[in-house]
Amino acid sequence: MTEASDDSFGIEVILLVGDETAPCCPHGPTLLFEKVSKGGEKGRRFYACSACRDRKDCKFFQWEDEKVSEARLLARESENQSKRPLLTQQESYCRFKKFASLPLDEKKFCQDCQILLLPGDREAHSSHRSTAVTAAQLRRPSVLLRPLDNKKSNAQYLFTDRSSRFLLDTLAGLGYRKVLCVGTPRLQEVIKLRNLEQKHEPMKSLLLDIDFRYAQFYSQDEFCHYNMFNHHFFDGEASRAVLQAFLAECDGQKVVMVADPPFGGLVKPLANSFSLISQTWRKLQSSDSSNSDMPMMWIFPYFFEPRILECLPSFTMLDYQVDYDNHPLYKHGKTGRKQSPVRLFTNISPRGFVLPKEEGYRFCSVCERFVWSLNKHCAKCNVCPSKDGREWKHCAACEKCVKPSWRHCQSCGRCALPDHPCGHAQGTQGCFSCGSLEHKRKACPLKDTHRVGRHRSSAKSGGKRVSRPSALKAKARRKSGAARRAKKMAAPSV
């Protein structure tokens, strides 16, 4: 999963239904991967961490057919135990209740350890940086806690209040009274704040997140320690029971899931986890809804649309642009982009989403949904085609709308950037497994039916393909760097 890739091979994730043989790392059961060559030749399978794309963050690696010694298994279990939280969810919340009852001048938070301090803890943390905690901060733990920022594993980018309020108002307007917040701590906060206002019908929320620090602020019915990449509950059956109780739509309370995964995450394991949540929801419903899917919203950059729709065909991408407070680019303002590339993918009808006109959205009467103001309806395609917020143009030769910066290339027979490497398009056509130009890999008769996903990416390419010339340049840079290091080590010390 951490190897660089080029057009000669890809890394495929293999999701086996009901497989309980996968070894575990500190992040739960690992995923099975396999390198597949351009001609369909399959490499040796291996297990790697589900949540971390860089082995620096989680060093777990094991060949599928490798025999692991008893001593190594014991050492692995010992390491996994050492990475688990010191307190249980119940113990953490008991501490919170004691903390909340303290006088204001005694409420302290250790910035180094990221924990709430009780009076008995202060001596052990006397050399650490601490800060006073207000009642408002206790209701907004995402402001108090330092966001995790590893882009390849557990990056925490937090919704702006504008986006949080839009999501909340939209869900409430659609009649949902239960919100399953998967990796969306800020949405959980605004829901709880809304309930305190007592102006609206109360809404319930349950936060599923890999960041156990949130257990300090929520009860067992409000938070579950969860890895969305492998559908793993760290507290086992106790947390699964909490989820099942939440998904049951008693008293007509409709449930919706809102997920905001790290953008560097693998799409197909995420889709698999969300589908398993939907299956759990479906089993708990009446016979009238037993064949339907759980209402969901998946927040992700627009350029992942093909992968998401391949996994979840019932989803649609909306034009709404989601902003983040602490992301350097995915926000409005002087330090961000003019338009955020993050969108809402949902299996809820787009007609139900009223996007704010004051923020630049308009209603398309032909498509019968709200779109970005520059997303002009194309009469030939009969859609509002823009994906990135710019006004797209129709290409008669391609018979579709394309980005405004693209030009039609007669040699390649497609639209592309004016300075694209002409003639290289053929290398990306056809089937990845057998090389045939007659079909794509997903329709290949040689495709293993047990596989449900492929991830062609390098750890540094953010899931995008790396062209052959780029891969060769990267290889040359690595060799050059290794030569410089070797020369430096060989040089006599002064």
Protein backbone atom coordinates (compact mmCIF):
# COMPACT_ATOMS: atom_id res chain seq x y z
CA MET A 1 0.00 0.00 0.00
CA THR A 2 2.94 2.28 0.45
CA GLU A 3 4.78 1.39 -2.75
CA ALA A 4 5.00 3.85 -5.63
CA SER A 5 3.12 2.70 -8.70
CA ASP A 6 3.34 3.33 -12.41
CA ASP A 7 1.30 2.20 -15.41
CA SER A 8 2.83 -1.30 -15.28
CA PHE A 9 1.10 -2.40 -12.08
CA GLY A 10 -1.57 -1.54 -9.53
CA ILE A 11 -2.29 -2.36 -5.92
CA GLU A 12 -5.61 -4.08 -5.35
CA VAL A 13 -7.44 -4.33 -2.05
CA ILE A 14 -9.27 -7.62 -1.61
CA LEU A 15 -12.34 -7.50 0.60
CA LEU A 16 -13.36 -11.02 1.60
CA VAL A 17 -16.87 -11.34 3.01
CA GLY A 18 -16.89 -12.85 6.48
CA ASP A 19 -13.10 -13.18 6.64
CA GLU A 20 -12.00 -13.38 10.28
CA THR A 21 -8.44 -14.56 9.64
CA ALA A 22 -6.92 -11.12 9.04
CA PRO A 23 -4.21 -10.26 11.59
CA CYS A 24 -4.68 -7.15 13.70
CA CYS A 25 -2.62 -4.02 14.13
CA PRO A 26 -3.35 -1.21 16.65
CA HIS A 27 -6.09 0.01 14.26
CA GLY A 28 -7.97 -3.29 14.21
CA PRO A 29 -8.13 -6.01 11.52
CA THR A 30 -5.78 -5.34 8.61
CA LEU A 31 -6.74 -5.39 4.92
CA LEU A 32 -5.49 -7.82 2.29
CA PHE A 33 -3.68 -6.33 -0.72
CA GLU A 34 -2.21 -7.67 -3.92
CA LYS A 35 -0.02 -6.19 -6.63
CA VAL A 36 -1.44 -6.79 -10.13
CA SER A 37 0.66 -6.27 -13.26
CA LYS A 38 -0.56 -4.70 -16.51
CA GLY A 39 -0.86 -8.12 -18.14
CA GLY A 40 -2.96 -9.50 -15.31
CA GLU A 41 -0.12 -11.30 -13.56
CA LYS A 42 -0.80 -11.38 -9.84
CA GLY A 43 1.82 -10.73 -7.22
CA ARG A 44 2.16 -11.99 -3.68
CA ARG A 45 -0.65 -10.95 -1.35
CA PHE A 46 0.06 -9.10 1.87
CA TYR A 47 -1.72 -7.65 4.89
CA ALA A 48 -1.30 -3.97 5.82
CA CYS A 49 -2.99 -1.42 8.06
CA SER A 50 -6.49 -0.39 7.04
CA ALA A 51 -6.22 3.19 8.28
CA CYS A 52 -2.62 4.25 7.56
CA ARG A 53 -1.27 4.52 4.03
CA ASP A 54 2.31 5.09 5.15
CA ARG A 55 4.26 2.44 7.05
CA LYS A 56 5.85 5.21 9.10
CA ASP A 57 2.48 5.67 10.78
CA CYS A 58 1.74 1.96 11.22
CA LYS A 59 4.58 -0.45 10.49
CA PHE A 60 2.41 -3.56 10.27
CA PHE A 61 3.19 -5.77 7.27
CA GLN A 62 2.68 -9.49 6.78
CA TRP A 63 2.63 -11.72 3.71
CA GLU A 64 -0.62 -13.68 3.41
CA ASP A 65 1.20 -17.03 3.28
CA GLU A 66 3.78 -16.10 5.92
CA LYS A 67 4.11 -18.33 8.99
CA VAL A 68 4.34 -16.11 12.05
CA SER A 69 6.12 -17.44 15.13
CA GLU A 70 4.46 -17.59 18.51
CA ALA A 71 6.99 -15.11 19.90
CA ARG A 72 6.19 -12.61 17.15
CA LEU A 73 2.44 -13.02 17.73
CA LEU A 74 2.90 -12.31 21.43
CA ALA A 75 5.07 -9.27 20.68
CA ARG A 76 2.45 -8.01 18.23
CA GLU A 77 -0.37 -8.41 20.74
CA SER A 78 1.71 -6.64 23.36
CA GLU A 79 2.26 -3.70 21.00
CA ASN A 80 -1.45 -3.56 20.13
CA GLN A 81 -2.32 -3.51 23.83
CA SER A 82 0.16 -0.69 24.49
CA LYS A 83 -1.55 1.50 21.88
CA ARG A 84 -5.03 1.10 23.34
CA PRO A 85 -6.56 3.83 25.52
CA LEU A 86 -5.71 3.63 29.21
CA LEU A 87 -9.33 4.22 30.22
CA THR A 88 -12.56 2.65 29.05
CA GLN A 89 -15.36 4.71 27.56
CA GLN A 90 -17.31 4.50 30.82
CA GLU A 91 -14.30 5.54 32.91
CA SER A 92 -13.62 8.49 30.61
CA TYR A 93 -17.18 9.76 30.85
CA CYS A 94 -17.17 9.37 34.65
CA ARG A 95 -14.15 11.66 34.71
CA PHE A 96 -16.05 14.14 32.55
CA LYS A 97 -18.98 14.29 34.97
CA LYS A 98 -16.59 14.96 37.86
CA PHE A 99 -14.81 17.61 35.81
CA ALA A 100 -18.07 19.35 34.89
CA SER A 101 -18.98 19.69 38.57
CA LEU A 102 -15.72 21.48 39.46
CA PRO A 103 -15.65 25.25 40.11
CA LEU A 104 -14.70 27.27 37.03
CA ASP A 105 -11.25 28.20 38.33
CA GLU A 106 -10.37 24.51 38.85
CA LYS A 107 -11.24 23.34 35.34
CA LYS A 108 -7.95 22.79 33.54
CA PHE A 109 -7.00 21.05 30.29
CA CYS A 110 -3.51 19.61 29.64
CA GLN A 111 -2.49 20.72 26.16
CA ASP A 112 0.44 18.30 26.04
CA CYS A 113 -1.56 15.20 26.96
CA GLN A 114 -4.88 16.44 25.51
CA ILE A 115 -6.89 15.41 28.58
CA LEU A 116 -9.18 17.09 31.10
CA LEU A 117 -7.42 17.38 34.47
CA LEU A 118 -9.05 16.46 37.77
CA PRO A 119 -7.54 17.91 40.98
CA GLY A 120 -5.66 14.66 41.66
CA ASP A 121 -3.99 14.79 38.22
CA ARG A 122 -2.37 18.19 38.49
CA GLU A 123 0.85 17.18 40.23
CA ALA A 124 1.67 14.62 37.51
CA HIS A 125 1.05 17.31 34.86
CA SER A 126 2.69 20.22 36.69
CA SER A 127 5.44 20.60 34.08
CA HIS A 128 2.98 20.49 31.17
CA ARG A 129 1.18 23.31 29.44
CA SER A 130 -2.36 23.69 30.73
CA THR A 131 -5.22 26.06 30.03
CA ALA A 132 -8.49 27.02 31.68
CA VAL A 133 -11.68 25.47 30.32
CA THR A 134 -15.00 27.27 29.97
CA ALA A 135 -18.47 25.75 29.82
CA ALA A 136 -18.69 26.76 26.15
CA GLN A 137 -15.49 24.85 25.34
CA LEU A 138 -16.84 21.73 27.02
CA ARG A 139 -19.72 21.86 24.58
CA ARG A 140 -17.29 22.27 21.64
CA PRO A 141 -14.51 19.69 22.23
CA SER A 142 -13.32 20.00 18.60
CA VAL A 143 -12.22 23.55 19.45
CA LEU A 144 -10.47 22.45 22.65
CA LEU A 145 -8.66 19.41 21.19
CA ARG A 146 -5.69 19.77 18.86
CA PRO A 147 -6.71 18.36 15.44
CA LEU A 148 -4.82 15.34 14.17
CA ASP A 149 -3.20 16.30 10.89
CA ASN A 150 -1.71 13.22 9.23
CA LYS A 151 -3.16 13.33 5.71
CA LYS A 152 -2.51 9.63 5.10
CA SER A 153 -4.23 8.24 8.19
CA ASN A 154 -6.32 10.27 10.63
CA ALA A 155 -6.39 13.84 9.33
CA GLN A 156 -9.06 15.88 11.10
CA TYR A 157 -10.41 18.76 9.06
CA LEU A 158 -13.31 20.38 10.84
CA PHE A 159 -16.38 21.88 9.18
CA THR A 160 -16.81 25.62 9.30
CA ASP A 161 -19.89 26.80 11.18
CA ARG A 162 -21.38 27.74 7.81
CA SER A 163 -21.15 24.16 6.49
CA SER A 164 -22.16 22.63 9.83
CA ARG A 165 -25.29 24.76 10.03
CA PHE A 166 -26.21 24.02 6.43
CA LEU A 167 -25.96 20.26 7.02
CA LEU A 168 -27.96 20.48 10.23
CA ASP A 169 -30.71 22.67 8.80
CA THR A 170 -30.96 20.48 5.70
CA LEU A 171 -31.23 17.23 7.65
CA ALA A 172 -33.80 18.73 10.03
CA GLY A 173 -35.79 20.05 7.06
CA LEU A 174 -35.81 16.59 5.49
CA GLY A 175 -37.35 15.18 8.65
CA TYR A 176 -34.40 13.30 10.12
CA ARG A 177 -34.28 13.15 13.90
CA LYS A 178 -31.31 10.78 14.33
CA VAL A 179 -27.90 11.56 12.79
CA LEU A 180 -25.12 8.97 12.73
CA CYS A 181 -21.97 11.11 12.64
CA VAL A 182 -19.11 9.04 11.15
CA GLY A 183 -15.94 11.09 11.56
CA THR A 184 -17.93 14.34 11.89
CA PRO A 185 -17.39 15.59 15.48
CA ARG A 186 -18.34 19.17 14.65
CA LEU A 187 -21.72 18.11 13.30
CA GLN A 188 -22.34 16.25 16.55
CA GLU A 189 -21.56 19.44 18.46
CA VAL A 190 -23.97 21.68 16.54
CA ILE A 191 -26.73 19.10 16.99
CA LYS A 192 -26.25 19.12 20.76
CA LEU A 193 -26.10 22.94 20.78
CA ARG A 194 -29.31 23.08 18.76
CA ASN A 195 -31.05 20.89 21.34
CA LEU A 196 -29.98 23.27 24.12
CA GLU A 197 -31.82 26.12 22.40
CA GLN A 198 -35.10 24.21 22.91
CA LYS A 199 -36.62 25.99 19.91
CA HIS A 200 -36.82 22.89 17.74
CA GLU A 201 -37.77 19.27 18.00
CA PRO A 202 -34.81 17.46 19.64
CA MET A 203 -32.40 15.49 17.45
CA LYS A 204 -30.26 12.56 18.57
CA SER A 205 -26.72 11.92 17.38
CA LEU A 206 -24.09 9.20 17.72
CA LEU A 207 -20.44 9.90 16.88
CA LEU A 208 -18.32 7.07 15.45
CA ASP A 209 -14.68 8.18 15.37
CA ILE A 210 -11.18 6.71 15.54
CA ASP A 211 -10.06 9.55 17.84
CA PHE A 212 -10.63 8.22 21.36
CA ARG A 213 -10.06 11.67 22.89
CA TYR A 214 -13.74 12.43 22.24
CA ALA A 215 -14.67 9.75 24.80
CA GLN A 216 -13.81 12.35 27.46
CA PHE A 217 -16.85 14.43 26.49
CA TYR A 218 -19.58 11.95 25.53
CA SER A 219 -21.48 9.10 27.15
CA GLN A 220 -21.49 5.52 25.83
CA ASP A 221 -24.71 6.28 23.95
CA GLU A 222 -23.13 9.29 22.20
CA PHE A 223 -19.68 8.04 21.16
CA CYS A 224 -18.14 4.80 19.87
CA HIS A 225 -14.44 4.27 19.19
CA TYR A 226 -14.58 3.15 15.54
CA ASN A 227 -12.38 2.63 12.45
CA MET A 228 -14.40 3.36 9.32
CA PHE A 229 -11.85 1.69 7.01
CA ASN A 230 -12.47 -1.82 8.34
CA HIS A 231 -15.81 -1.37 10.19
CA HIS A 232 -14.06 -2.16 13.45
CA PHE A 233 -15.48 -1.26 16.87
CA PHE A 234 -12.65 -1.15 19.39
CA ASP A 235 -15.03 -1.93 22.27
CA GLY A 236 -16.51 -4.91 20.43
CA GLU A 237 -20.08 -6.04 20.96
CA ALA A 238 -20.85 -3.30 23.48
CA SER A 239 -20.38 -0.63 20.79
CA ARG A 240 -22.17 -2.70 18.16
CA ALA A 241 -25.17 -2.87 20.50
CA VAL A 242 -25.07 0.94 20.87
CA LEU A 243 -25.12 1.32 17.08
CA GLN A 244 -28.00 -1.11 16.64
CA ALA A 245 -30.06 0.66 19.29
CA PHE A 246 -29.41 3.99 17.58
CA LEU A 247 -30.33 2.71 14.09
CA ALA A 248 -33.70 1.40 15.25
CA GLU A 249 -36.26 3.98 14.08
CA CYS A 250 -38.59 3.86 17.06
CA ASP A 251 -41.41 6.42 17.35
CA GLY A 252 -40.95 7.34 13.69
CA GLN A 253 -37.52 8.93 14.21
CA LYS A 254 -35.80 8.72 10.83
CA VAL A 255 -32.05 7.97 10.75
CA VAL A 256 -29.44 9.39 8.37
CA MET A 257 -25.68 8.83 8.22
CA VAL A 258 -23.19 11.64 7.52
CA ALA A 259 -19.58 10.54 6.92
CA ASP A 260 -16.48 12.70 6.40
CA PRO A 261 -13.50 10.34 5.87
CA PRO A 262 -9.86 11.44 5.49
CA PHE A 263 -9.38 12.42 1.84
CA GLY A 264 -6.35 10.13 1.48
CA GLY A 265 -8.42 7.07 2.41
CA LEU A 266 -9.22 4.10 0.20
CA VAL A 267 -12.67 4.51 -1.34
CA LYS A 268 -13.69 0.86 -1.60
CA PRO A 269 -13.06 -0.17 2.02
CA LEU A 270 -14.98 2.93 3.08
CA ALA A 271 -17.88 2.05 0.79
CA ASN A 272 -17.84 -1.48 2.18
CA SER A 273 -18.08 -0.20 5.77
CA PHE A 274 -20.93 2.16 4.90
CA SER A 275 -22.75 -0.68 3.15
CA LEU A 276 -22.40 -2.85 6.27
CA ILE A 277 -23.93 -0.04 8.36
CA SER A 278 -26.77 0.15 5.84
CA GLN A 279 -27.30 -3.62 6.10
CA THR A 280 -27.53 -3.35 9.90
CA TRP A 281 -30.08 -0.53 9.52
CA ARG A 282 -32.10 -2.53 6.98
CA LYS A 283 -32.40 -5.56 9.29
CA LEU A 284 -33.85 -3.36 12.03
CA GLN A 285 -36.56 -1.78 9.88
CA SER A 286 -40.05 -2.89 9.03
CA SER A 287 -40.78 -4.98 5.96
CA ASP A 288 -41.78 -1.81 4.06
CA SER A 289 -38.19 -0.54 4.04
CA SER A 290 -36.34 -3.88 4.12
CA ASN A 291 -35.29 -3.54 0.47
CA SER A 292 -34.16 0.08 0.64
CA ASP A 293 -30.79 1.55 1.62
CA MET A 294 -30.10 3.67 4.67
CA PRO A 295 -30.10 7.41 3.84
CA MET A 296 -26.47 8.50 3.66
CA MET A 297 -24.27 11.51 2.94
CA TRP A 298 -20.60 10.99 2.11
CA ILE A 299 -18.41 14.12 2.06
CA PHE A 300 -15.42 13.84 -0.28
CA PRO A 301 -13.60 15.77 -3.07
CA TYR A 302 -15.43 15.85 -6.41
CA PHE A 303 -12.62 14.09 -8.30
CA PHE A 304 -13.43 10.86 -6.43
CA GLU A 305 -16.88 10.77 -8.03
CA PRO A 306 -16.16 7.88 -10.47
CA ARG A 307 -14.82 5.67 -7.69
CA ILE A 308 -17.67 6.42 -5.30
CA LEU A 309 -20.33 5.81 -7.95
CA GLU A 310 -18.65 2.57 -8.97
CA CYS A 311 -19.04 1.32 -5.39
CA LEU A 312 -22.38 2.96 -4.62
CA PRO A 313 -24.32 3.49 -7.88
CA SER A 314 -27.35 4.96 -6.09
CA PHE A 315 -25.36 7.99 -4.98
CA THR A 316 -25.45 11.43 -6.62
CA MET A 317 -22.94 14.26 -6.25
CA LEU A 318 -24.41 17.62 -5.24
CA ASP A 319 -22.91 21.01 -6.10
CA TYR A 320 -22.69 22.19 -2.48
CA GLN A 321 -19.11 23.14 -1.55
CA VAL A 322 -18.08 22.04 1.95
CA ASP A 323 -15.61 24.28 3.81
CA TYR A 324 -13.17 23.44 6.61
CA ASP A 325 -11.79 25.72 9.30
CA ASN A 326 -8.31 24.21 9.48
CA HIS A 327 -7.62 23.05 5.92
CA PRO A 328 -5.11 25.25 4.04
CA LEU A 329 -7.00 25.04 0.73
CA TYR A 330 -10.48 23.60 1.24
CA LYS A 331 -12.09 26.77 2.50
CA HIS A 332 -13.14 30.21 1.32
CA GLY A 333 -11.06 33.27 2.05
CA LYS A 334 -7.64 34.69 1.33
CA THR A 335 -5.73 31.55 2.34
CA GLY A 336 -7.97 29.06 0.55
CA ARG A 337 -9.37 28.49 -2.91
CA LYS A 338 -12.17 30.51 -4.45
CA GLN A 339 -14.20 27.30 -4.44
CA SER A 340 -13.77 24.26 -2.24
CA PRO A 341 -13.47 20.97 -4.20
CA VAL A 342 -15.29 19.03 -1.44
CA ARG A 343 -18.82 17.89 -2.27
CA LEU A 344 -21.77 15.96 -0.86
CA PHE A 345 -22.43 12.48 -2.25
CA THR A 346 -25.81 11.09 -1.23
CA ASN A 347 -28.47 8.50 -2.00
CA ILE A 348 -31.15 10.99 -0.92
CA SER A 349 -33.00 12.67 -3.79
CA PRO A 350 -31.18 15.89 -4.85
CA ARG A 351 -34.57 17.64 -5.05
CA GLY A 352 -34.68 17.70 -1.25
CA PHE A 353 -31.53 19.83 -0.92
CA VAL A 354 -32.16 23.56 -1.01
CA LEU A 355 -28.75 25.18 -1.51
CA PRO A 356 -28.42 28.79 -0.26
CA LYS A 357 -28.92 31.35 -3.05
CA GLU A 358 -26.99 33.98 -1.08
CA GLU A 359 -23.88 31.78 -1.38
CA GLY A 360 -24.09 31.54 -5.17
CA TYR A 361 -26.41 28.61 -5.88
CA ARG A 362 -29.38 28.65 -8.25
CA PHE A 363 -32.23 26.29 -9.05
CA CYS A 364 -32.18 24.52 -12.44
CA SER A 365 -35.79 23.93 -13.50
CA VAL A 366 -34.73 21.30 -16.08
CA CYS A 367 -32.57 19.22 -13.71
CA GLU A 368 -34.98 20.04 -10.87
CA ARG A 369 -32.19 20.62 -8.37
CA PHE A 370 -29.95 23.39 -7.05
CA VAL A 371 -26.56 23.89 -8.72
CA TRP A 372 -23.63 26.32 -8.54
CA SER A 373 -24.28 29.62 -10.35
CA LEU A 374 -21.60 28.94 -13.01
CA ASN A 375 -22.88 25.44 -13.68
CA LYS A 376 -24.89 26.27 -16.80
CA HIS A 377 -27.35 23.74 -18.18
CA CYS A 378 -26.27 22.15 -21.47
CA ALA A 379 -29.16 21.51 -23.84
CA LYS A 380 -27.17 18.89 -25.78
CA CYS A 381 -26.12 16.86 -22.73
CA ASN A 382 -29.35 17.77 -20.89
CA VAL A 383 -27.48 18.19 -17.60
CA CYS A 384 -25.69 20.85 -15.61
CA PRO A 385 -22.28 19.29 -16.28
CA SER A 386 -19.72 21.21 -14.22
CA LYS A 387 -17.96 19.32 -11.44
CA ASP A 388 -15.32 21.80 -10.27
CA GLY A 389 -17.30 25.05 -9.98
CA ARG A 390 -16.26 26.51 -13.35
CA GLU A 391 -18.49 26.90 -16.41
CA TRP A 392 -17.85 23.94 -18.72
CA LYS A 393 -18.18 23.92 -22.50
CA HIS A 394 -19.63 21.37 -24.90
CA CYS A 395 -17.32 19.52 -27.31
CA ALA A 396 -19.17 18.35 -30.42
CA ALA A 397 -16.48 15.78 -31.28
CA CYS A 398 -16.51 14.17 -27.80
CA GLU A 399 -20.28 14.68 -27.54
CA LYS A 400 -19.98 15.83 -23.95
CA CYS A 401 -19.09 18.86 -21.86
CA VAL A 402 -15.50 19.33 -20.72
CA LYS A 403 -13.46 21.69 -18.57
CA PRO A 404 -13.01 25.21 -20.03
CA SER A 405 -9.20 24.84 -20.18
CA TRP A 406 -9.36 21.67 -22.30
CA ARG A 407 -9.05 21.55 -26.09
CA HIS A 408 -9.98 18.75 -28.46
CA CYS A 409 -6.94 16.80 -29.70
CA GLN A 410 -7.41 15.14 -33.08
CA SER A 411 -4.48 12.80 -32.51
CA CYS A 412 -5.78 11.48 -29.20
CA GLY A 413 -9.43 11.71 -30.22
CA ARG A 414 -10.37 13.37 -26.94
CA CYS A 415 -10.27 16.66 -25.07
CA ALA A 416 -7.28 17.41 -22.87
CA LEU A 417 -5.06 20.26 -21.69
CA PRO A 418 -3.30 22.04 -24.58
CA ASP A 419 0.15 20.90 -23.37
CA HIS A 420 -0.83 17.28 -22.65
CA PRO A 421 1.59 14.50 -23.74
CA CYS A 422 -0.08 13.71 -27.06
CA GLY A 423 -0.49 10.01 -27.83
CA HIS A 424 -0.15 8.86 -24.22
CA ALA A 425 -3.89 8.42 -23.84
CA GLN A 426 -3.82 4.95 -25.38
CA GLY A 427 -1.87 3.65 -22.41
CA THR A 428 -4.81 4.27 -20.11
CA GLN A 429 -7.46 2.67 -22.33
CA GLY A 430 -8.83 -0.85 -22.20
CA CYS A 431 -8.61 -3.52 -19.53
CA PHE A 432 -6.00 -3.32 -16.81
CA SER A 433 -6.05 -7.10 -16.19
CA CYS A 434 -5.75 -8.64 -19.67
CA GLY A 435 -4.81 -5.65 -21.87
CA SER A 436 -7.83 -5.95 -24.18
CA LEU A 437 -9.14 -2.69 -25.68
CA GLU A 438 -12.62 -4.16 -25.98
CA HIS A 439 -13.62 -3.77 -22.33
CA LYS A 440 -12.65 -2.24 -18.99
CA ARG A 441 -11.29 -4.27 -16.06
CA LYS A 442 -14.60 -4.38 -14.18
CA ALA A 443 -16.14 -6.23 -17.16
CA CYS A 444 -13.14 -8.53 -17.69
CA PRO A 445 -14.05 -12.25 -17.82
CA LEU A 446 -10.74 -13.01 -16.06
CA LYS A 447 -11.51 -10.78 -13.09
CA ASP A 448 -11.61 -12.60 -9.76
CA THR A 449 -15.25 -12.40 -8.65
CA HIS A 450 -14.23 -12.38 -4.99
CA ARG A 451 -12.49 -9.05 -5.38
CA VAL A 452 -14.59 -6.00 -4.78
CA GLY A 453 -12.06 -3.27 -5.28
CA ARG A 454 -8.82 -2.01 -6.74
CA HIS A 455 -6.68 0.86 -5.56
CA ARG A 456 -4.29 2.13 -8.22
CA SER A 457 -2.30 4.74 -6.41
CA SER A 458 0.92 5.66 -4.80
CA ALA A 459 1.01 6.84 -1.25
CA LYS A 460 2.15 10.25 -2.45
CA SER A 461 -0.17 10.66 -5.41
CA GLY A 462 -3.40 11.01 -3.40
CA GLY A 463 -5.05 8.20 -5.35
CA LYS A 464 -4.25 9.62 -8.78
CA ARG A 465 -2.46 7.67 -11.49
CA VAL A 466 1.21 8.31 -11.94
CA SER A 467 2.34 8.50 -15.55
CA ARG A 468 5.34 6.47 -16.70
CA PRO A 469 7.59 9.52 -17.20
CA SER A 470 6.74 10.77 -13.70
CA ALA A 471 7.53 7.38 -12.20
CA LEU A 472 10.90 7.26 -14.01
CA LYS A 473 11.76 10.76 -12.78
CA ALA A 474 10.86 9.78 -9.22
CA LYS A 475 13.03 6.67 -9.51
CA ALA A 476 15.94 8.77 -10.80
CA ARG A 477 15.52 11.20 -7.90
CA ARG A 478 15.59 8.34 -5.41
CA LYS A 479 18.78 6.93 -6.95
CA SER A 480 20.38 10.36 -6.97
CA GLY A 481 19.44 10.92 -3.33
CA ALA A 482 20.82 7.51 -2.34
CA ALA A 483 24.08 8.28 -4.15
CA ARG A 484 24.43 11.60 -2.33
CA ARG A 485 23.82 9.94 1.03
CA ALA A 486 26.33 7.20 0.27
CA LYS A 487 28.93 9.78 -0.78
CA LYS A 488 28.29 11.80 2.37
CA MET A 489 28.69 8.74 4.60
CA ALA A 490 31.92 7.78 2.84
CA ALA A 491 33.42 11.24 3.29
CA PRO A 492 35.95 11.56 6.15
CA SER A 493 34.73 13.42 9.22
CA VAL A 494 36.27 16.78 9.98
